[in-house]
All heavy atoms as atom14 arrays in JSON, in Angstrom:
{
  "sequence": "SSDVVLITGKGTDPYIMGPNGTKEAWSDRRVAQEELAKLGFKVE",
  "atom14_mask": [
    [1, 1, 1, 1, 1, 1, 0, 0, 0, 0, 0, 0, 0, 0],
    [1, 1, 1, 1, 1, 1, 0, 0, 0, 0, 0, 0, 0, 0],
    [1, 1, 1, 1, 1, 1, 1, 1, 0, 0, 0, 0, 0, 0],
    [1, 1, 1, 1, 1, 1, 1, 0, 0, 0, 0, 0, 0, 0],
    [1, 1, 1, 1, 1, 1, 1, 0, 0, 0, 0, 0, 0, 0],
    [1, 1, 1, 1, 1, 1, 1, 1, 0, 0, 0, 0, 0, 0],
    [1, 1, 1, 1, 1, 1, 1, 1, 0, 0, 0, 0, 0, 0],
    [1, 1, 1, 1, 1, 1, 1, 0, 0, 0, 0, 0, 0, 0],
    [1, 1, 1, 1, 0, 0, 0, 0, 0, 0, 0, 0, 0, 0],
    [1, 1, 1, 1, 1, 1, 1, 1, 1, 0, 0, 0, 0, 0],
    [1, 1, 1, 1, 0, 0, 0, 0, 0, 0, 0, 0, 0, 0],
    [1, 1, 1, 1, 1, 1, 1, 0, 0, 0, 0, 0, 0, 0],
    [1, 1, 1, 1, 1, 1, 1, 1, 0, 0, 0, 0, 0, 0],
    [1, 1, 1, 1, 1, 1, 1, 0, 0, 0, 0, 0, 0, 0],
    [1, 1, 1, 1, 1, 1, 1, 1, 1, 1, 1, 1, 0, 0],
    [1, 1, 1, 1, 1, 1, 1, 1, 0, 0, 0, 0, 0, 0],
    [1, 1, 1, 1, 1, 1, 1, 1, 0, 0, 0, 0, 0, 0],
    [1, 1, 1, 1, 0, 0, 0, 0, 0, 0, 0, 0, 0, 0],
    [1, 1, 1, 1, 1, 1, 1, 0, 0, 0, 0, 0, 0, 0],
    [1, 1, 1, 1, 1, 1, 1, 1, 0, 0, 0, 0, 0, 0],
    [1, 1, 1, 1, 0, 0, 0, 0, 0, 0, 0, 0, 0, 0],
    [1, 1, 1, 1, 1, 1, 1, 0, 0, 0, 0, 0, 0, 0],
    [1, 1, 1, 1, 1, 1, 1, 1, 1, 0, 0, 0, 0, 0],
    [1, 1, 1, 1, 1, 1, 1, 1, 1, 0, 0, 0, 0, 0],
    [1, 1, 1, 1, 1, 0, 0, 0, 0, 0, 0, 0, 0, 0],
    [1, 1, 1, 1, 1, 1, 1, 1, 1, 1, 1, 1, 1, 1],
    [1, 1, 1, 1, 1, 1, 0, 0, 0, 0, 0, 0, 0, 0],
    [1, 1, 1, 1, 1, 1, 1, 1, 0, 0, 0, 0, 0, 0],
    [1, 1, 1, 1, 1, 1, 1, 1, 1, 1, 1, 0, 0, 0],
    [1, 1, 1, 1, 1, 1, 1, 1, 1, 1, 1, 0, 0, 0],
    [1, 1, 1, 1, 1, 1, 1, 0, 0, 0, 0, 0, 0, 0],
    [1, 1, 1, 1, 1, 0, 0, 0, 0, 0, 0, 0, 0, 0],
    [1, 1, 1, 1, 1, 1, 1, 1, 1, 0, 0, 0, 0, 0],
    [1, 1, 1, 1, 1, 1, 1, 1, 1, 0, 0, 0, 0, 0],
    [1, 1, 1, 1, 1, 1, 1, 1, 1, 0, 0, 0, 0, 0],
    [1, 1, 1, 1, 1, 1, 1, 1, 0, 0, 0, 0, 0, 0],
    [1, 1, 1, 1, 1, 0, 0, 0, 0, 0, 0, 0, 0, 0],
    [1, 1, 1, 1, 1, 1, 1, 1, 1, 0, 0, 0, 0, 0],
    [1, 1, 1, 1, 1, 1, 1, 1, 0, 0, 0, 0, 0, 0],
    [1, 1, 1, 1, 0, 0, 0, 0, 0, 0, 0, 0, 0, 0],
    [1, 1, 1, 1, 1, 1, 1, 1, 1, 1, 1, 0, 0, 0],
    [1, 1, 1, 1, 1, 1, 1, 1, 1, 0, 0, 0, 0, 0],
    [1, 1, 1, 1, 1, 1, 1, 0, 0, 0, 0, 0, 0, 0],
    [1, 1, 1, 1, 1, 1, 1, 1, 1, 0, 0, 0, 0, 0]
  ],
  "atom14_positions": [
    [[18.39, 3.48, -7.56], [19.24, 2.94, -6.49], [19.49, 3.95, -5.45], [19.81, 5.15, -5.72], [20.6, 2.44, -7.11], [21.4, 1.94, -6.1], [0.0, 0.0, 0.0], [0.0, 0.0, 0.0], [0.0, 0.0, 0.0], [0.0, 0.0, 0.0], [0.0, 0.0, 0.0], [0.0, 0.0, 0.0], [0.0, 0.0, 0.0], [0.0, 0.0, 0.0]],
    [[19.38, 3.55, -4.18], [19.62, 4.38, -2.95], [18.53, 5.39, -2.71], [18.63, 6.16, -1.7], [20.99, 5.11, -3.07], [21.99, 4.15, -3.14], [0.0, 0.0, 0.0], [0.0, 0.0, 0.0], [0.0, 0.0, 0.0], [0.0, 0.0, 0.0], [0.0, 0.0, 0.0], [0.0, 0.0, 0.0], [0.0, 0.0, 0.0], [0.0, 0.0, 0.0]],
    [[17.48, 5.51, -3.52], [16.35, 6.35, -3.2], [15.56, 5.74, -2.06], [15.74, 4.6, -1.7], [15.43, 6.52, -4.44], [16.04, 7.34, -5.53], [17.16, 7.9, -5.34], [15.43, 7.45, -6.61], [0.0, 0.0, 0.0], [0.0, 0.0, 0.0], [0.0, 0.0, 0.0], [0.0, 0.0, 0.0], [0.0, 0.0, 0.0], [0.0, 0.0, 0.0]],
    [[14.61, 6.53, -1.55], [13.66, 6.03, -0.61], [12.25, 6.46, -0.99], [12.04, 7.65, -1.29], [13.98, 6.44, 0.86], [13.98, 7.94, 1.02], [12.99, 5.84, 1.85], [0.0, 0.0, 0.0], [0.0, 0.0, 0.0], [0.0, 0.0, 0.0], [0.0, 0.0, 0.0], [0.0, 0.0, 0.0], [0.0, 0.0, 0.0], [0.0, 0.0, 0.0]],
    [[11.36, 5.51, -1.1], [9.96, 5.79, -1.35], [9.24, 5.81, -0.03], [9.18, 4.8, 0.66], [9.35, 4.76, -2.28], [7.83, 5.02, -2.48], [10.06, 4.72, -3.64], [0.0, 0.0, 0.0], [0.0, 0.0, 0.0], [0.0, 0.0, 0.0], [0.0, 0.0, 0.0], [0.0, 0.0, 0.0], [0.0, 0.0, 0.0], [0.0, 0.0, 0.0]],
    [[8.67, 6.94, 0.36], [7.97, 7.09, 1.63], [6.5, 7.19, 1.35], [6.0, 8.15, 0.81], [8.47, 8.32, 2.4], [9.95, 8.32, 2.78], [10.3, 9.62, 3.49], [10.27, 7.11, 3.68], [0.0, 0.0, 0.0], [0.0, 0.0, 0.0], [0.0, 0.0, 0.0], [0.0, 0.0, 0.0], [0.0, 0.0, 0.0], [0.0, 0.0, 0.0]],
    [[5.77, 6.19, 1.76], [4.29, 6.09, 1.56], [3.64, 6.44, 2.9], [3.7, 5.65, 3.84], [3.86, 4.69, 1.06], [4.68, 4.31, -0.2], [2.37, 4.67, 0.8], [4.53, 2.85, -0.58], [0.0, 0.0, 0.0], [0.0, 0.0, 0.0], [0.0, 0.0, 0.0], [0.0, 0.0, 0.0], [0.0, 0.0, 0.0], [0.0, 0.0, 0.0]],
    [[3.02, 7.6, 2.96], [2.58, 8.09, 4.3], [1.08, 8.29, 4.36], [0.41, 8.42, 3.37], [3.29, 9.39, 4.63], [3.0, 10.37, 3.61], [4.79, 9.25, 4.74], [0.0, 0.0, 0.0], [0.0, 0.0, 0.0], [0.0, 0.0, 0.0], [0.0, 0.0, 0.0], [0.0, 0.0, 0.0], [0.0, 0.0, 0.0], [0.0, 0.0, 0.0]],
    [[0.58, 8.35, 5.63], [-0.78, 8.76, 5.89], [-1.7, 7.68, 6.4], [-2.67, 7.91, 7.12], [0.0, 0.0, 0.0], [0.0, 0.0, 0.0], [0.0, 0.0, 0.0], [0.0, 0.0, 0.0], [0.0, 0.0, 0.0], [0.0, 0.0, 0.0], [0.0, 0.0, 0.0], [0.0, 0.0, 0.0], [0.0, 0.0, 0.0], [0.0, 0.0, 0.0]],
    [[-1.39, 6.38, 6.04], [-2.29, 5.32, 6.45], [-1.66, 4.33, 7.38], [-2.35, 3.79, 8.27], [-2.86, 4.63, 5.22], [-3.76, 5.52, 4.36], [-4.7, 4.76, 3.48], [-5.74, 3.95, 4.21], [-6.66, 4.83, 5.01], [0.0, 0.0, 0.0], [0.0, 0.0, 0.0], [0.0, 0.0, 0.0], [0.0, 0.0, 0.0], [0.0, 0.0, 0.0]],
    [[-0.4, 4.08, 7.24], [0.24, 3.04, 8.13], [-0.46, 1.73, 8.02], [-0.52, 1.14, 6.98], [0.0, 0.0, 0.0], [0.0, 0.0, 0.0], [0.0, 0.0, 0.0], [0.0, 0.0, 0.0], [0.0, 0.0, 0.0], [0.0, 0.0, 0.0], [0.0, 0.0, 0.0], [0.0, 0.0, 0.0], [0.0, 0.0, 0.0], [0.0, 0.0, 0.0]],
    [[-1.05, 1.29, 9.12], [-1.76, 0.01, 9.11], [-3.26, 0.18, 8.95], [-4.02, -0.84, 9.07], [-1.53, -0.74, 10.43], [-1.91, 0.12, 11.52], [-0.07, -1.15, 10.63], [0.0, 0.0, 0.0], [0.0, 0.0, 0.0], [0.0, 0.0, 0.0], [0.0, 0.0, 0.0], [0.0, 0.0, 0.0], [0.0, 0.0, 0.0], [0.0, 0.0, 0.0]],
    [[-3.75, 1.38, 8.65], [-5.16, 1.57, 8.44], [-5.7, 0.57, 7.42], [-5.19, 0.38, 6.32], [-5.45, 2.95, 7.9], [-5.65, 3.99, 8.98], [-5.54, 3.63, 10.19], [-5.96, 5.13, 8.66], [0.0, 0.0, 0.0], [0.0, 0.0, 0.0], [0.0, 0.0, 0.0], [0.0, 0.0, 0.0], [0.0, 0.0, 0.0], [0.0, 0.0, 0.0]],
    [[-6.76, -0.17, 7.82], [-7.22, -1.33, 7.0], [-8.18, -0.96, 5.89], [-8.55, -1.83, 5.09], [-7.88, -2.2, 8.02], [-8.46, -1.23, 9.01], [-7.49, -0.12, 9.09], [0.0, 0.0, 0.0], [0.0, 0.0, 0.0], [0.0, 0.0, 0.0], [0.0, 0.0, 0.0], [0.0, 0.0, 0.0], [0.0, 0.0, 0.0], [0.0, 0.0, 0.0]],
    [[-8.62, 0.28, 5.82], [-9.61, 0.69, 4.82], [-9.29, 2.1, 4.27], [-8.72, 2.91, 4.97], [-11.05, 0.73, 5.41], [-11.48, -0.54, 6.09], [-11.6, -0.59, 7.48], [-11.75, -1.69, 5.34], [-11.99, -1.76, 8.12], [-12.18, -2.87, 5.98], [-12.24, -2.9, 7.35], [-12.66, -4.05, 7.99], [0.0, 0.0, 0.0], [0.0, 0.0, 0.0]],
    [[-9.73, 2.31, 3.03], [-9.87, 3.69, 2.5], [-11.36, 4.02, 2.7], [-12.23, 3.37, 2.15], [-9.46, 3.77, 1.05], [-7.91, 3.56, 0.88], [-9.84, 5.13, 0.46], [-7.45, 3.61, -0.55], [0.0, 0.0, 0.0], [0.0, 0.0, 0.0], [0.0, 0.0, 0.0], [0.0, 0.0, 0.0], [0.0, 0.0, 0.0], [0.0, 0.0, 0.0]],
    [[-11.58, 5.1, 3.44], [-12.97, 5.46, 3.81], [-13.55, 6.4, 2.76], [-12.96, 7.46, 2.47], [-13.0, 6.11, 5.19], [-12.38, 5.25, 6.27], [-13.16, 3.59, 6.45], [-14.76, 4.09, 7.06], [0.0, 0.0, 0.0], [0.0, 0.0, 0.0], [0.0, 0.0, 0.0], [0.0, 0.0, 0.0], [0.0, 0.0, 0.0], [0.0, 0.0, 0.0]],
    [[-14.68, 6.02, 2.21], [-15.34, 6.82, 1.17], [-16.62, 7.42, 1.59], [-16.98, 7.41, 2.79], [0.0, 0.0, 0.0], [0.0, 0.0, 0.0], [0.0, 0.0, 0.0], [0.0, 0.0, 0.0], [0.0, 0.0, 0.0], [0.0, 0.0, 0.0], [0.0, 0.0, 0.0], [0.0, 0.0, 0.0], [0.0, 0.0, 0.0], [0.0, 0.0, 0.0]],
    [[-17.42, 7.91, 0.64], [-18.68, 8.61, 0.97], [-19.73, 7.66, 1.52], [-19.74, 6.48, 1.2], [-19.09, 9.25, -0.36], [-18.4, 8.43, -1.4], [-17.09, 7.96, -0.79], [0.0, 0.0, 0.0], [0.0, 0.0, 0.0], [0.0, 0.0, 0.0], [0.0, 0.0, 0.0], [0.0, 0.0, 0.0], [0.0, 0.0, 0.0], [0.0, 0.0, 0.0]],
    [[-20.62, 8.24, 2.37], [-21.77, 7.52, 2.82], [-21.41, 6.21, 3.6], [-22.12, 5.21, 3.5], [-22.78, 7.16, 1.7], [-23.21, 8.42, 0.98], [-23.6, 9.42, 1.59], [-23.19, 8.39, -0.37], [0.0, 0.0, 0.0], [0.0, 0.0, 0.0], [0.0, 0.0, 0.0], [0.0, 0.0, 0.0], [0.0, 0.0, 0.0], [0.0, 0.0, 0.0]],
    [[-20.26, 6.26, 4.29], [-19.86, 5.09, 5.09], [-19.23, 4.0, 4.33], [-18.97, 2.9, 4.88], [0.0, 0.0, 0.0], [0.0, 0.0, 0.0], [0.0, 0.0, 0.0], [0.0, 0.0, 0.0], [0.0, 0.0, 0.0], [0.0, 0.0, 0.0], [0.0, 0.0, 0.0], [0.0, 0.0, 0.0], [0.0, 0.0, 0.0], [0.0, 0.0, 0.0]],
    [[-19.0, 4.14, 3.05], [-18.38, 3.09, 2.25], [-16.92, 2.99, 2.61], [-16.27, 3.94, 3.04], [-18.53, 3.34, 0.76], [-17.93, 4.61, 0.4], [-19.99, 3.38, 0.35], [0.0, 0.0, 0.0], [0.0, 0.0, 0.0], [0.0, 0.0, 0.0], [0.0, 0.0, 0.0], [0.0, 0.0, 0.0], [0.0, 0.0, 0.0], [0.0, 0.0, 0.0]],
    [[-16.38, 1.78, 2.42], [-14.94, 1.59, 2.67], [-14.4, 0.5, 1.77], [-15.06, -0.43, 1.41], [-14.71, 1.22, 4.14], [-15.46, 0.0, 4.61], [-15.29, -0.17, 6.14], [-16.04, -1.39, 6.63], [-15.9, -1.5, 8.13], [0.0, 0.0, 0.0], [0.0, 0.0, 0.0], [0.0, 0.0, 0.0], [0.0, 0.0, 0.0], [0.0, 0.0, 0.0]],
    [[-13.1, 0.68, 1.42], [-12.4, -0.24, 0.56], [-11.29, -0.88, 1.4], [-10.44, -0.16, 1.98], [-11.83, 0.51, -0.66], [-10.94, -0.35, -1.52], [-10.21, 0.43, -2.59], [-10.42, 1.67, -2.65], [-9.39, -0.15, -3.36], [0.0, 0.0, 0.0], [0.0, 0.0, 0.0], [0.0, 0.0, 0.0], [0.0, 0.0, 0.0], [0.0, 0.0, 0.0]],
    [[-11.24, -2.18, 1.47], [-10.18, -2.86, 2.18], [-8.83, -2.43, 1.59], [-8.64, -2.38, 0.34], [-10.32, -4.38, 2.05], [0.0, 0.0, 0.0], [0.0, 0.0, 0.0], [0.0, 0.0, 0.0], [0.0, 0.0, 0.0], [0.0, 0.0, 0.0], [0.0, 0.0, 0.0], [0.0, 0.0, 0.0], [0.0, 0.0, 0.0], [0.0, 0.0, 0.0]],
    [[-7.89, -2.16, 2.48], [-6.63, -1.52, 1.99], [-5.46, -1.88, 2.92], [-5.6, -2.04, 4.12], [-6.78, -0.03, 1.87], [-5.61, 0.59, 1.2], [-4.51, 1.2, 1.75], [-5.41, 0.6, -0.23], [-3.65, 1.59, 0.76], [-4.17, 1.26, -0.44], [-6.13, 0.17, -1.3], [-3.65, 1.44, -1.73], [-5.64, 0.35, -2.57], [-4.41, 0.98, -2.79]],
    [[-4.25, -1.93, 2.32], [-3.01, -2.03, 3.05], [-1.9, -1.42, 2.19], [-1.59, -1.95, 1.12], [-2.66, -3.47, 3.38], [-1.28, -3.59, 3.77], [0.0, 0.0, 0.0], [0.0, 0.0, 0.0], [0.0, 0.0, 0.0], [0.0, 0.0, 0.0], [0.0, 0.0, 0.0], [0.0, 0.0, 0.0], [0.0, 0.0, 0.0], [0.0, 0.0, 0.0]],
    [[-1.34, -0.31, 2.62], [-0.22, 0.29, 1.86], [0.96, -0.69, 1.72], [1.6, -0.8, 0.65], [0.3, 1.56, 2.58], [-0.49, 2.83, 2.2], [-1.31, 2.75, 1.26], [-0.29, 3.83, 2.83], [0.0, 0.0, 0.0], [0.0, 0.0, 0.0], [0.0, 0.0, 0.0], [0.0, 0.0, 0.0], [0.0, 0.0, 0.0], [0.0, 0.0, 0.0]],
    [[1.25, -1.42, 2.77], [2.35, -2.38, 2.72], [2.05, -3.48, 1.7], [2.93, -3.82, 0.88], [2.56, -3.02, 4.14], [3.71, -4.04, 4.14], [3.97, -4.55, 5.53], [2.86, -5.38, 6.0], [2.91, -6.72, 5.94], [3.94, -7.34, 5.41], [1.91, -7.43, 6.41], [0.0, 0.0, 0.0], [0.0, 0.0, 0.0], [0.0, 0.0, 0.0]],
    [[0.86, -4.04, 1.74], [0.49, -5.1, 0.81], [0.55, -4.62, -0.63], [1.08, -5.3, -1.5], [-0.93, -5.59, 1.18], [-1.52, -6.64, 0.22], [-0.7, -7.87, 0.11], [-0.54, -8.44, 1.46], [0.3, -9.45, 1.73], [0.98, -9.98, 0.76], [0.42, -9.89, 2.94], [0.0, 0.0, 0.0], [0.0, 0.0, 0.0], [0.0, 0.0, 0.0]],
    [[-0.01, -3.45, -0.87], [0.01, -2.93, -2.23], [1.46, -2.7, -2.73], [1.78, -3.0, -3.89], [-0.81, -1.63, -2.33], [-0.62, -0.92, -3.64], [-2.3, -1.94, -2.16], [0.0, 0.0, 0.0], [0.0, 0.0, 0.0], [0.0, 0.0, 0.0], [0.0, 0.0, 0.0], [0.0, 0.0, 0.0], [0.0, 0.0, 0.0], [0.0, 0.0, 0.0]],
    [[2.28, -2.14, -1.87], [3.67, -1.92, -2.23], [4.36, -3.25, -2.55], [5.12, -3.37, -3.51], [4.41, -1.21, -1.11], [0.0, 0.0, 0.0], [0.0, 0.0, 0.0], [0.0, 0.0, 0.0], [0.0, 0.0, 0.0], [0.0, 0.0, 0.0], [0.0, 0.0, 0.0], [0.0, 0.0, 0.0], [0.0, 0.0, 0.0], [0.0, 0.0, 0.0]],
    [[4.09, -4.27, -1.71], [4.66, -5.62, -2.0], [4.19, -6.15, -3.36], [5.02, -6.66, -4.13], [4.24, -6.57, -0.87], [4.92, -6.33, 0.48], [4.34, -7.24, 1.55], [3.15, -7.54, 1.56], [5.18, -7.67, 2.42], [0.0, 0.0, 0.0], [0.0, 0.0, 0.0], [0.0, 0.0, 0.0], [0.0, 0.0, 0.0], [0.0, 0.0, 0.0]],
    [[2.94, -6.02, -3.61], [2.41, -6.55, -4.88], [2.96, -5.82, -6.07], [3.3, -6.49, -7.09], [0.86, -6.44, -4.86], [0.18, -7.37, -3.87], [-1.29, -7.08, -3.67], [-1.77, -6.06, -4.19], [-1.94, -7.87, -3.01], [0.0, 0.0, 0.0], [0.0, 0.0, 0.0], [0.0, 0.0, 0.0], [0.0, 0.0, 0.0], [0.0, 0.0, 0.0]],
    [[3.1, -4.5, -6.0], [3.6, -3.71, -7.11], [5.08, -3.99, -7.32], [5.6, -3.96, -8.42], [3.28, -2.26, -6.95], [1.8, -1.94, -6.98], [1.13, -2.4, -8.28], [1.8, -2.36, -9.35], [-0.04, -2.84, -8.18], [0.0, 0.0, 0.0], [0.0, 0.0, 0.0], [0.0, 0.0, 0.0], [0.0, 0.0, 0.0], [0.0, 0.0, 0.0]],
    [[5.82, -4.17, -6.23], [7.26, -4.52, -6.33], [7.43, -5.87, -7.05], [8.3, -6.07, -7.88], [7.92, -4.56, -4.97], [8.26, -3.22, -4.31], [8.64, -3.42, -2.87], [9.4, -2.52, -5.12], [0.0, 0.0, 0.0], [0.0, 0.0, 0.0], [0.0, 0.0, 0.0], [0.0, 0.0, 0.0], [0.0, 0.0, 0.0], [0.0, 0.0, 0.0]],
    [[6.55, -6.82, -6.66], [6.6, -8.15, -7.27], [6.29, -8.07, -8.75], [6.93, -8.76, -9.59], [5.61, -9.09, -6.6], [0.0, 0.0, 0.0], [0.0, 0.0, 0.0], [0.0, 0.0, 0.0], [0.0, 0.0, 0.0], [0.0, 0.0, 0.0], [0.0, 0.0, 0.0], [0.0, 0.0, 0.0], [0.0, 0.0, 0.0], [0.0, 0.0, 0.0]],
    [[5.39, -7.19, -9.13], [5.06, -7.05, -10.57], [6.23, -6.46, -11.36], [6.37, -6.69, -12.54], [3.85, -6.11, -10.72], [2.54, -6.72, -10.26], [1.41, -5.71, -10.41], [0.1, -6.27, -9.83], [-0.99, -5.26, -9.88], [0.0, 0.0, 0.0], [0.0, 0.0, 0.0], [0.0, 0.0, 0.0], [0.0, 0.0, 0.0], [0.0, 0.0, 0.0]],
    [[7.08, -5.65, -10.63], [8.28, -5.12, -11.26], [9.42, -6.12, -11.34], [10.5, -5.8, -11.82], [8.68, -3.87, -10.51], [7.76, -2.65, -10.61], [8.25, -1.53, -9.64], [7.77, -2.15, -12.04], [0.0, 0.0, 0.0], [0.0, 0.0, 0.0], [0.0, 0.0, 0.0], [0.0, 0.0, 0.0], [0.0, 0.0, 0.0], [0.0, 0.0, 0.0]],
    [[9.18, -7.3, -10.8], [10.16, -8.41, -10.95], [11.08, -8.57, -9.72], [12.02, -9.38, -9.74], [0.0, 0.0, 0.0], [0.0, 0.0, 0.0], [0.0, 0.0, 0.0], [0.0, 0.0, 0.0], [0.0, 0.0, 0.0], [0.0, 0.0, 0.0], [0.0, 0.0, 0.0], [0.0, 0.0, 0.0], [0.0, 0.0, 0.0], [0.0, 0.0, 0.0]],
    [[10.8, -7.85, -8.64], [11.58, -7.98, -7.43], [11.08, -9.09, -6.52], [9.89, -9.31, -6.44], [11.67, -6.66, -6.61], [12.29, -5.53, -7.42], [11.48, -4.44, -7.77], [13.6, -5.55, -7.85], [12.01, -3.35, -8.49], [14.16, -4.51, -8.56], [13.36, -3.41, -8.89], [0.0, 0.0, 0.0], [0.0, 0.0, 0.0], [0.0, 0.0, 0.0]],
    [[12.0, -9.74, -5.83], [11.62, -10.69, -4.79], [11.25, -9.9, -3.54], [12.04, -9.04, -3.13], [12.74, -11.67, -4.48], [13.06, -12.61, -5.66], [14.2, -13.58, -5.3], [14.49, -14.53, -6.5], [15.61, -15.44, -6.14], [0.0, 0.0, 0.0], [0.0, 0.0, 0.0], [0.0, 0.0, 0.0], [0.0, 0.0, 0.0], [0.0, 0.0, 0.0]],
    [[10.11, -10.23, -2.97], [9.63, -9.46, -1.83], [9.39, -10.35, -0.64], [8.66, -11.33, -0.73], [8.32, -8.71, -2.19], [7.88, -7.82, -1.03], [8.54, -7.86, -3.45], [0.0, 0.0, 0.0], [0.0, 0.0, 0.0], [0.0, 0.0, 0.0], [0.0, 0.0, 0.0], [0.0, 0.0, 0.0], [0.0, 0.0, 0.0], [0.0, 0.0, 0.0]],
    [[9.95, -10.01, 0.48], [9.76, -10.73, 1.7], [8.38, -10.6, 2.24], [7.85, -9.51, 2.32], [10.77, -10.25, 2.76], [10.77, -11.04, 4.07], [11.79, -10.57, 5.07], [13.0, -10.55, 4.7], [11.42, -10.18, 6.18], [0.0, 0.0, 0.0], [0.0, 0.0, 0.0], [0.0, 0.0, 0.0], [0.0, 0.0, 0.0], [0.0, 0.0, 0.0]]
  ]
}
């Protein structure tokens, strides 16, 4: 309670860029929403 989780570095960047031009679709916000929901919280 009252903590703050600061997830930095990507913002709205849509991919994690890997070797040889590979990329993984990504969203820090979306992942945080999904993991909060798995913890039982209602997420806007």
